[in-house]
Amino acid sequence: MADFGNEGLADLYRRPGSVSSVYVDVTQDARNPRRTSTLRQRTLREALTEAGAPEIDASTIIELVEEPPGVGGPMGRLMVVREGEVELNEVLTGEPLGELLVAYGPVPSLLPLLIHRPRDFSYVVAEAGRDGGEITLFQLSRSQPVSRVRVEGDTEFLTKVGSEDDFLANGRYQHHTEEVWKRNEGQIAAAIDEIVRDSRAELLMLTGDVRARQLLVDQLSPTSREVLHVVPTNTRPGGATQEELEADLHRHVAAILAQDEYDALERLGTGKGNGLSEIDFAAVVRALQQSQVDVLLLAPDRLPGETLIALDRGPWLAATSADALGAGELGSVPAVDALIRAAILTDARVLVVSPGELPAEVSAAALLRWSTVPVAAEAPTPAEAELAGLPSRGDAVTFPRRRATSGAPNGAPDGGPDRPER
């Protein structure tokens, strides 16, 4: 699956030509799946025809929607097709946003993707055993792992002996076995530290053997421990369930995203006084045109029927043709799609929030990269003021004549030049 973080979405937004966008609930109906499938296909085709999508797009989308999702539970599928070519086909797990969303126009409609997956980040799942472990790197924007590393440890004398009759059951053997475990976990910890550091992972989930986990945690770097969460279950034995790990993983991912939203709303409030946030719609559009937006906050429910002009290059959107600054006009599109597109193309983050999170009547807000408030000139320091009073280089300077004293050497007259002593 392609990477649909900001870079992947920006590439999608830059492609020319009208595009069909469809978001549909594909939750499996265990009671009558065939009837559900037939109704879904019929409804899809009618909606695409009404939106003006070409037949080649409609046929491709209907084929895609019947592909097995590969996961269970409630879910939606977002598809973007241009002239029969699939540009995005994402299964988005979680409660679907609605029965069906269909659009055809010059800009893909990617709002469902940003609601289900507000931003991209890396996370690591490590499974530890006394004989080694497995480390998997994931990215939120990808359905498949980015990489998987297997660490093979020393297996000699791996098991402690508890029988007093066994000649090996002595303190030296037990200590050696503990050292083997510790050395193995040290290798896993080093591999985890490298992956966390290189990927800048924001979450590390650790599962596996209880003693192995304890020894491993003690040897992790401070950076890895900052993002560590231990799952009290062992997923390594054959047939072991992944349910507890997956449930914990979803909770921690949701907590990271919720903290992002909280921090953004805090910045929105504190930024009003220093010009680092905007809640006026026109001001938000202007800030996007100037690539000034760091985070765009949207309440789509407050933007029904609003449109903006999508442009083929910067400033990427405009309220009127006079604001296009010479860029080509792709057409009038829903304001929410134009705002999201401009944000992604200027490397801003997009957060979709409920209307109640924003001030009354505010449909779009922005956290800015630099302030809109003019910087007041600072008063000069005494030293700077003194320097400012000195003549500048090149000015004509007149110095007072030097007056001779009564004891002028060699009888030099008053006011005359001094002679050097011999």
Protein backbone atom coordinates (compact mmCIF):
# COMPACT_ATOMS: atom_id res chain seq x y z
CA MET A 1 0.00 0.00 0.00
CA ALA A 2 1.28 3.43 -0.85
CA ASP A 3 2.24 5.89 1.82
CA PHE A 4 -0.62 8.32 2.37
CA GLY A 5 0.99 10.63 4.86
CA ASN A 6 1.26 14.31 3.91
CA GLU A 7 3.74 13.66 1.08
CA GLY A 8 1.58 10.98 -0.51
CA LEU A 9 -1.55 13.11 -0.25
CA ALA A 10 0.25 16.13 -1.70
CA ASP A 11 1.25 14.05 -4.72
CA LEU A 12 -2.37 12.93 -5.13
CA TYR A 13 -3.59 16.54 -4.98
CA ARG A 14 -1.11 17.68 -7.66
CA ARG A 15 -2.33 15.24 -10.32
CA PRO A 16 -4.38 16.82 -13.11
CA GLY A 17 -7.87 15.84 -14.22
CA SER A 18 -11.25 15.30 -12.62
CA VAL A 19 -11.48 12.50 -10.09
CA SER A 20 -14.17 10.29 -8.53
CA SER A 21 -14.14 10.04 -4.72
CA VAL A 22 -16.27 7.54 -2.82
CA TYR A 23 -16.52 6.70 0.87
CA VAL A 24 -18.84 3.81 1.71
CA ASP A 25 -19.70 1.67 4.72
CA VAL A 26 -18.32 -1.83 4.00
CA THR A 27 -19.10 -3.41 7.36
CA GLN A 28 -19.87 -7.07 6.69
CA ASP A 29 -23.51 -8.11 6.98
CA ALA A 30 -23.46 -11.64 8.35
CA ARG A 31 -27.23 -12.08 7.94
CA ASN A 32 -27.60 -11.50 4.20
CA PRO A 33 -24.27 -10.49 2.61
CA ARG A 34 -25.39 -11.11 -0.99
CA ARG A 35 -28.42 -8.82 -0.74
CA THR A 36 -26.32 -6.14 0.99
CA SER A 37 -23.74 -6.32 -1.79
CA THR A 38 -26.36 -6.01 -4.55
CA LEU A 39 -28.01 -2.99 -2.93
CA ARG A 40 -24.66 -1.33 -2.33
CA GLN A 41 -23.58 -1.70 -5.96
CA ARG A 42 -26.88 -0.34 -7.27
CA THR A 43 -26.80 2.64 -4.90
CA LEU A 44 -23.16 3.35 -5.77
CA ARG A 45 -23.75 3.36 -9.51
CA GLU A 46 -26.76 5.67 -9.24
CA ALA A 47 -24.88 8.11 -6.99
CA LEU A 48 -21.81 8.19 -9.26
CA THR A 49 -23.95 8.76 -12.35
CA GLU A 50 -25.77 11.61 -10.63
CA ALA A 51 -22.43 13.17 -9.61
CA GLY A 52 -21.27 13.09 -13.25
CA ALA A 53 -18.59 10.42 -12.89
CA PRO A 54 -17.65 8.53 -16.09
CA GLU A 55 -18.69 4.90 -16.49
CA ILE A 56 -15.08 3.69 -16.34
CA ASP A 57 -14.72 5.20 -12.86
CA ALA A 58 -18.04 3.75 -11.70
CA SER A 59 -17.16 0.24 -12.88
CA THR A 60 -13.75 0.35 -11.21
CA ILE A 61 -15.18 1.57 -7.90
CA ILE A 62 -17.87 -1.11 -7.86
CA GLU A 63 -15.17 -3.76 -8.31
CA LEU A 64 -13.08 -2.26 -5.52
CA VAL A 65 -15.90 -2.04 -3.02
CA GLU A 66 -16.44 -5.81 -3.13
CA GLU A 67 -12.81 -6.67 -2.37
CA PRO A 68 -12.47 -8.51 0.97
CA PRO A 69 -11.31 -5.94 3.54
CA GLY A 70 -9.07 -8.38 5.39
CA VAL A 71 -10.25 -7.20 8.81
CA GLY A 72 -13.42 -7.54 10.85
CA GLY A 73 -15.65 -5.12 12.68
CA PRO A 74 -17.19 -1.83 11.54
CA MET A 75 -15.30 -0.06 8.76
CA GLY A 76 -15.52 2.18 5.74
CA ARG A 77 -13.64 2.20 2.45
CA LEU A 78 -12.35 5.35 0.75
CA MET A 79 -11.65 5.11 -2.98
CA VAL A 80 -10.24 7.70 -5.38
CA VAL A 81 -10.32 6.81 -9.09
CA ARG A 82 -9.25 8.94 -12.05
CA GLU A 83 -10.13 7.78 -15.58
CA GLY A 84 -10.39 4.20 -14.35
CA GLU A 85 -7.03 4.28 -12.53
CA VAL A 86 -7.09 3.60 -8.79
CA GLU A 87 -5.21 6.32 -6.92
CA LEU A 88 -6.36 5.50 -3.39
CA ASN A 89 -8.10 2.46 -1.93
CA GLU A 90 -8.09 2.51 1.86
CA VAL A 91 -10.03 0.44 4.38
CA LEU A 92 -10.63 2.69 7.39
CA THR A 93 -11.48 0.73 10.51
CA GLY A 94 -13.80 2.16 13.13
CA GLU A 95 -17.38 3.35 13.13
CA PRO A 96 -18.27 4.48 9.57
CA LEU A 97 -19.03 8.17 9.09
CA GLY A 98 -22.11 7.63 6.95
CA GLU A 99 -23.74 5.30 4.48
CA LEU A 100 -22.30 6.85 1.32
CA LEU A 101 -20.30 9.94 0.28
CA VAL A 102 -19.78 10.48 -3.45
CA ALA A 103 -18.07 13.34 -5.33
CA TYR A 104 -16.71 14.00 -8.81
CA GLY A 105 -14.59 17.05 -9.60
CA PRO A 106 -11.08 18.49 -9.89
CA VAL A 107 -10.15 17.87 -6.24
CA PRO A 108 -10.31 14.52 -4.38
CA SER A 109 -12.60 14.49 -1.34
CA LEU A 110 -10.37 13.13 1.44
CA LEU A 111 -12.23 14.33 4.53
CA PRO A 112 -13.10 10.76 5.69
CA LEU A 113 -9.42 9.79 5.64
CA LEU A 114 -8.48 12.71 7.88
CA ILE A 115 -11.30 11.97 10.31
CA HIS A 116 -10.32 8.32 10.66
CA ARG A 117 -6.58 9.04 10.55
CA PRO A 118 -5.83 12.63 11.64
CA ARG A 119 -2.09 12.38 11.14
CA ASP A 120 0.70 9.97 10.41
CA PHE A 121 3.29 8.69 12.88
CA SER A 122 5.47 5.65 13.45
CA TYR A 123 5.08 3.10 16.24
CA VAL A 124 6.93 -0.07 17.20
CA VAL A 125 5.65 -3.41 18.50
CA ALA A 126 8.29 -5.57 20.18
CA GLU A 127 7.75 -9.17 21.29
CA ALA A 128 10.42 -10.37 23.72
CA GLY A 129 11.42 -13.91 24.65
CA ARG A 130 14.37 -15.31 26.57
CA ASP A 131 15.85 -16.67 23.34
CA GLY A 132 15.36 -13.50 21.26
CA GLY A 133 12.52 -11.46 19.91
CA GLU A 134 10.80 -9.74 17.03
CA ILE A 135 10.52 -5.99 16.41
CA THR A 136 7.99 -4.60 13.94
CA LEU A 137 7.84 -1.00 12.76
CA PHE A 138 4.45 0.35 11.69
CA GLN A 139 3.24 3.62 10.26
CA LEU A 140 -0.29 4.81 10.85
CA SER A 141 -0.75 5.62 7.16
CA ARG A 142 0.14 2.08 6.05
CA SER A 143 -1.88 -1.08 6.39
CA GLN A 144 1.23 -3.31 6.26
CA PRO A 145 4.37 -3.19 8.45
CA VAL A 146 7.20 -0.92 7.33
CA SER A 147 9.84 -3.40 8.52
CA ARG A 148 10.29 -6.45 10.73
CA VAL A 149 13.51 -7.45 12.52
CA ARG A 150 14.13 -10.83 14.13
CA VAL A 151 16.78 -10.99 16.89
CA GLU A 152 18.20 -14.47 17.53
CA GLY A 153 19.73 -14.83 20.97
CA ASP A 154 21.96 -17.45 22.62
CA THR A 155 20.00 -20.62 23.42
CA GLU A 156 22.68 -22.55 25.32
CA PHE A 157 21.77 -23.19 28.98
CA LEU A 158 18.59 -21.21 28.37
CA THR A 159 16.52 -22.99 31.05
CA LYS A 160 17.22 -22.85 34.77
CA VAL A 161 17.28 -26.19 36.62
CA GLY A 162 15.39 -26.53 39.87
CA SER A 163 16.24 -30.11 40.89
CA GLU A 164 18.75 -30.46 43.74
CA ASP A 165 19.80 -33.91 42.46
CA ASP A 166 20.93 -32.59 39.07
CA PHE A 167 24.68 -31.88 39.10
CA LEU A 168 24.13 -28.67 37.12
CA ALA A 169 21.64 -27.28 39.63
CA ASN A 170 24.02 -24.97 41.41
CA GLY A 171 24.47 -21.25 41.83
CA ARG A 172 27.05 -20.96 39.05
CA TYR A 173 24.73 -22.52 36.46
CA GLN A 174 21.74 -20.46 37.55
CA HIS A 175 23.81 -17.27 37.36
CA HIS A 176 25.08 -18.20 33.90
CA THR A 177 21.53 -18.78 32.66
CA GLU A 178 20.44 -15.39 33.99
CA GLU A 179 23.39 -13.79 32.19
CA VAL A 180 22.35 -15.49 28.93
CA TRP A 181 18.86 -14.05 29.28
CA LYS A 182 20.22 -10.62 30.10
CA ARG A 183 22.59 -10.70 27.13
CA ASN A 184 19.80 -11.76 24.78
CA GLU A 185 17.52 -8.97 26.00
CA GLY A 186 20.39 -6.51 25.64
CA GLN A 187 20.60 -7.39 21.94
CA ILE A 188 16.85 -6.86 21.53
CA ALA A 189 17.00 -3.57 23.45
CA ALA A 190 19.81 -2.29 21.20
CA ALA A 191 17.80 -3.17 18.09
CA ILE A 192 14.69 -1.48 19.52
CA ASP A 193 16.65 1.67 20.41
CA GLU A 194 18.00 1.93 16.87
CA ILE A 195 14.56 1.50 15.27
CA VAL A 196 12.86 3.95 17.67
CA ARG A 197 15.60 6.52 17.11
CA ASP A 198 15.72 6.23 13.31
CA SER A 199 11.93 6.20 12.84
CA ARG A 200 11.23 8.79 15.58
CA ALA A 201 8.53 6.42 16.81
CA GLU A 202 5.99 7.99 19.17
CA LEU A 203 4.86 4.70 20.69
CA LEU A 204 6.64 1.47 21.71
CA MET A 205 4.46 -1.48 22.67
CA LEU A 206 6.29 -4.31 24.47
CA THR A 207 4.86 -7.77 25.00
CA GLY A 208 6.24 -11.26 25.59
CA ASP A 209 7.76 -13.36 28.37
CA VAL A 210 7.49 -11.70 31.80
CA ARG A 211 11.16 -12.10 32.83
CA ALA A 212 12.37 -11.22 29.35
CA ARG A 213 10.33 -7.99 29.45
CA GLN A 214 11.82 -7.05 32.81
CA LEU A 215 15.41 -7.58 31.66
CA LEU A 216 14.76 -5.77 28.38
CA VAL A 217 13.18 -2.67 29.93
CA ASP A 218 16.19 -2.20 32.20
CA GLN A 219 18.45 -1.95 29.13
CA LEU A 220 16.37 0.39 26.95
CA SER A 221 17.61 3.90 26.25
CA PRO A 222 15.83 6.88 27.86
CA THR A 223 14.37 7.80 24.44
CA SER A 224 12.75 4.36 24.09
CA ARG A 225 11.49 4.34 27.68
CA GLU A 226 9.76 7.70 27.14
CA VAL A 227 7.38 6.12 24.61
CA LEU A 228 7.21 2.64 26.19
CA HIS A 229 3.99 0.88 27.15
CA VAL A 230 4.17 -2.71 28.42
CA VAL A 231 1.33 -5.07 27.55
CA PRO A 232 1.00 -7.72 30.30
CA THR A 233 0.56 -10.65 27.95
CA ASN A 234 2.77 -13.05 26.01
CA THR A 235 1.96 -13.10 22.29
CA ARG A 236 4.96 -15.19 21.22
CA PRO A 237 3.81 -18.81 21.83
CA GLY A 238 2.01 -20.48 18.95
CA GLY A 239 -1.72 -19.91 19.09
CA ALA A 240 -1.41 -16.99 21.50
CA THR A 241 -4.07 -14.32 21.04
CA GLN A 242 -3.27 -10.82 19.79
CA GLU A 243 -6.53 -9.32 21.02
CA GLU A 244 -5.16 -7.72 24.20
CA LEU A 245 -2.19 -6.27 22.32
CA GLU A 246 -4.42 -4.85 19.58
CA ALA A 247 -6.87 -3.37 22.08
CA ASP A 248 -4.06 -1.69 24.03
CA LEU A 249 -2.48 -0.45 20.80
CA HIS A 250 -5.74 1.17 19.65
CA ARG A 251 -6.18 2.85 23.05
CA HIS A 252 -2.69 4.33 23.03
CA VAL A 253 -2.94 5.52 19.41
CA ALA A 254 -6.27 7.18 20.24
CA ALA A 255 -4.68 8.82 23.30
CA ILE A 256 -1.86 10.29 21.19
CA LEU A 257 -4.32 11.71 18.67
CA ALA A 258 -6.57 13.08 21.44
CA GLN A 259 -3.57 14.81 23.01
CA ASP A 260 -2.76 16.35 19.62
CA GLU A 261 -6.25 17.85 19.42
CA TYR A 262 -6.11 19.11 23.01
CA ASP A 263 -2.73 20.78 22.41
CA ALA A 264 -3.96 22.40 19.19
CA LEU A 265 -7.06 23.84 20.88
CA GLU A 266 -4.88 25.17 23.70
CA ARG A 267 -2.63 26.88 21.14
CA LEU A 268 -5.69 28.31 19.45
CA GLY A 269 -6.72 30.01 22.68
CA THR A 270 -3.30 31.28 23.72
CA GLY A 271 -2.41 32.43 20.19
CA LYS A 272 -5.16 35.06 19.97
CA GLY A 273 -3.22 37.62 21.93
CA ASN A 274 0.06 37.32 20.03
CA GLY A 275 -1.18 36.89 16.47
CA LEU A 276 -0.35 33.18 16.25
CA SER A 277 -3.91 31.97 15.62
CA GLU A 278 -6.84 32.95 13.40
CA ILE A 279 -10.56 32.13 13.66
CA ASP A 280 -11.89 34.42 10.94
CA PHE A 281 -12.65 32.43 7.79
CA ALA A 282 -11.25 35.02 5.37
CA ALA A 283 -8.11 35.37 7.48
CA VAL A 284 -7.63 31.59 7.48
CA VAL A 285 -7.88 31.54 3.67
CA ARG A 286 -5.32 34.35 3.41
CA ALA A 287 -2.96 32.54 5.78
CA LEU A 288 -3.19 29.37 3.68
CA GLN A 289 -2.43 31.40 0.55
CA GLN A 290 0.76 32.64 2.23
CA SER A 291 1.82 29.16 3.49
CA GLN A 292 1.53 30.59 6.99
CA VAL A 293 -0.65 27.84 8.49
CA ASP A 294 0.97 25.25 10.73
CA VAL A 295 -2.25 23.48 11.80
CA LEU A 296 -5.67 23.84 10.17
CA LEU A 297 -8.69 23.07 12.39
CA LEU A 298 -11.95 22.32 10.61
CA ALA A 299 -15.55 21.87 11.71
CA PRO A 300 -17.04 20.56 8.41
CA ASP A 301 -20.61 20.60 9.71
CA ARG A 302 -20.42 24.42 9.75
CA LEU A 303 -19.39 24.62 6.07
CA PRO A 304 -22.40 23.20 4.20
CA GLY A 305 -22.74 24.69 0.72
CA GLU A 306 -19.63 26.89 1.04
CA THR A 307 -17.28 26.84 -1.96
CA LEU A 308 -13.81 28.13 -2.87
CA ILE A 309 -11.79 28.16 -6.09
CA ALA A 310 -9.11 25.47 -6.38
CA LEU A 311 -5.94 26.61 -8.20
CA ASP A 312 -3.35 24.61 -10.15
CA ARG A 313 -0.41 26.13 -8.24
CA GLY A 314 0.27 28.46 -5.33
CA PRO A 315 -1.58 30.02 -3.62
CA TRP A 316 -3.68 26.84 -4.29
CA LEU A 317 -7.07 28.38 -3.36
CA ALA A 318 -8.93 31.64 -3.70
CA ALA A 319 -12.24 33.16 -2.65
CA THR A 320 -12.56 35.05 -5.97
CA SER A 321 -10.76 35.06 -9.31
CA ALA A 322 -9.07 38.32 -8.30
CA ASP A 323 -7.26 36.44 -5.52
CA ALA A 324 -5.80 33.79 -7.86
CA LEU A 325 -2.56 35.75 -8.39
CA GLY A 326 -2.16 34.43 -11.93
CA ALA A 327 -2.66 30.74 -11.07
CA GLY A 328 -4.96 28.64 -13.24
CA GLU A 329 -8.43 27.93 -11.89
CA LEU A 330 -9.42 24.27 -11.61
CA GLY A 331 -12.97 25.16 -10.65
CA SER A 332 -15.25 25.87 -7.73
CA VAL A 333 -15.15 23.06 -5.14
CA PRO A 334 -16.57 22.49 -1.64
CA ALA A 335 -14.74 24.77 0.77
CA VAL A 336 -13.72 21.91 3.05
CA ASP A 337 -11.97 20.12 0.15
CA ALA A 338 -10.21 23.31 -0.98
CA LEU A 339 -9.02 24.11 2.55
CA ILE A 340 -7.70 20.59 3.17
CA ARG A 341 -5.93 20.55 -0.20
CA ALA A 342 -4.24 23.92 0.38
CA ALA A 343 -3.14 22.82 3.86
CA ILE A 344 -1.62 19.54 2.64
CA LEU A 345 0.13 21.23 -0.29
CA THR A 346 1.74 23.76 2.09
CA ASP A 347 2.76 21.02 4.55
CA ALA A 348 0.26 21.99 7.25
CA ARG A 349 -1.46 19.49 9.51
CA VAL A 350 -5.24 19.13 9.38
CA LEU A 351 -7.37 18.41 12.44
CA VAL A 352 -11.09 17.75 12.02
CA VAL A 353 -12.93 18.70 15.21
CA SER A 354 -16.53 18.72 16.32
CA PRO A 355 -18.28 22.13 16.07
CA GLY A 356 -18.46 22.41 19.84
CA GLU A 357 -14.65 22.46 20.09
CA LEU A 358 -14.39 25.76 18.18
CA PRO A 359 -15.83 29.14 19.19
CA ALA A 360 -19.42 29.81 18.12
CA GLU A 361 -19.91 30.33 14.37
CA VAL A 362 -16.29 29.40 13.62
CA SER A 363 -15.98 26.83 10.83
CA ALA A 364 -12.21 26.97 10.25
CA ALA A 365 -9.31 28.10 12.43
CA ALA A 366 -5.57 28.15 12.01
CA LEU A 367 -2.44 27.96 14.13
CA LEU A 368 0.19 30.08 12.42
CA ARG A 369 3.88 29.62 11.79
CA TRP A 370 4.63 33.28 12.40
CA SER A 371 2.73 36.11 14.04
CA THR A 372 0.46 38.56 12.26
CA VAL A 373 1.11 41.19 14.94
CA PRO A 374 3.77 43.77 13.92
CA VAL A 375 6.87 43.57 16.09
CA ALA A 376 7.31 46.79 18.12
CA ALA A 377 10.73 48.43 17.85
CA GLU A 378 12.73 47.84 21.01
CA ALA A 379 14.19 50.83 22.86
CA PRO A 380 17.98 51.02 22.36
CA THR A 381 20.25 50.18 25.25
CA PRO A 382 22.40 53.03 26.70
CA ALA A 383 25.42 51.68 24.86
CA GLU A 384 23.48 51.56 21.57
CA ALA A 385 22.17 55.09 22.16
CA GLU A 386 25.70 56.37 22.82
CA LEU A 387 26.97 54.67 19.68
CA ALA A 388 24.11 56.13 17.69
CA GLY A 389 25.21 59.62 18.72
CA LEU A 390 28.74 59.19 17.36
CA PRO A 391 29.56 60.45 13.86
CA SER A 392 29.46 57.81 11.19
CA ARG A 393 32.35 56.91 8.97
CA GLY A 394 32.87 59.52 6.23
CA ASP A 395 31.36 62.44 8.17
CA ALA A 396 33.49 65.62 8.35
CA VAL A 397 34.92 65.91 11.85
CA THR A 398 36.40 69.08 13.45
CA PHE A 399 38.54 68.60 16.56
CA PRO A 400 39.40 71.54 18.95
CA ARG A 401 42.90 72.97 18.71
CA ARG A 402 45.24 71.84 21.42
CA ARG A 403 46.39 74.59 23.81
CA ALA A 404 50.09 74.57 24.89
CA THR A 405 51.00 74.86 28.57
CA SER A 406 53.52 77.30 30.04
CA GLY A 407 56.01 74.51 30.27
CA ALA A 408 56.04 73.79 26.55
CA PRO A 409 59.23 71.93 25.60
CA ASN A 410 61.96 73.66 23.59
CA GLY A 411 60.29 77.05 24.06
CA ALA A 412 57.44 76.29 21.72
CA PRO A 413 55.06 79.26 21.56
CA ASP A 414 51.54 78.96 22.97
CA GLY A 415 49.28 77.32 20.47
CA GLY A 416 52.16 76.16 18.29
CA PRO A 417 53.02 72.59 17.54
CA ASP A 418 55.10 70.65 20.03
CA ARG A 419 58.52 69.63 18.91
CA PRO A 420 59.71 66.15 19.63
CA GLU A 421 62.34 65.85 22.31
CA ARG A 422 65.78 64.91 21.14
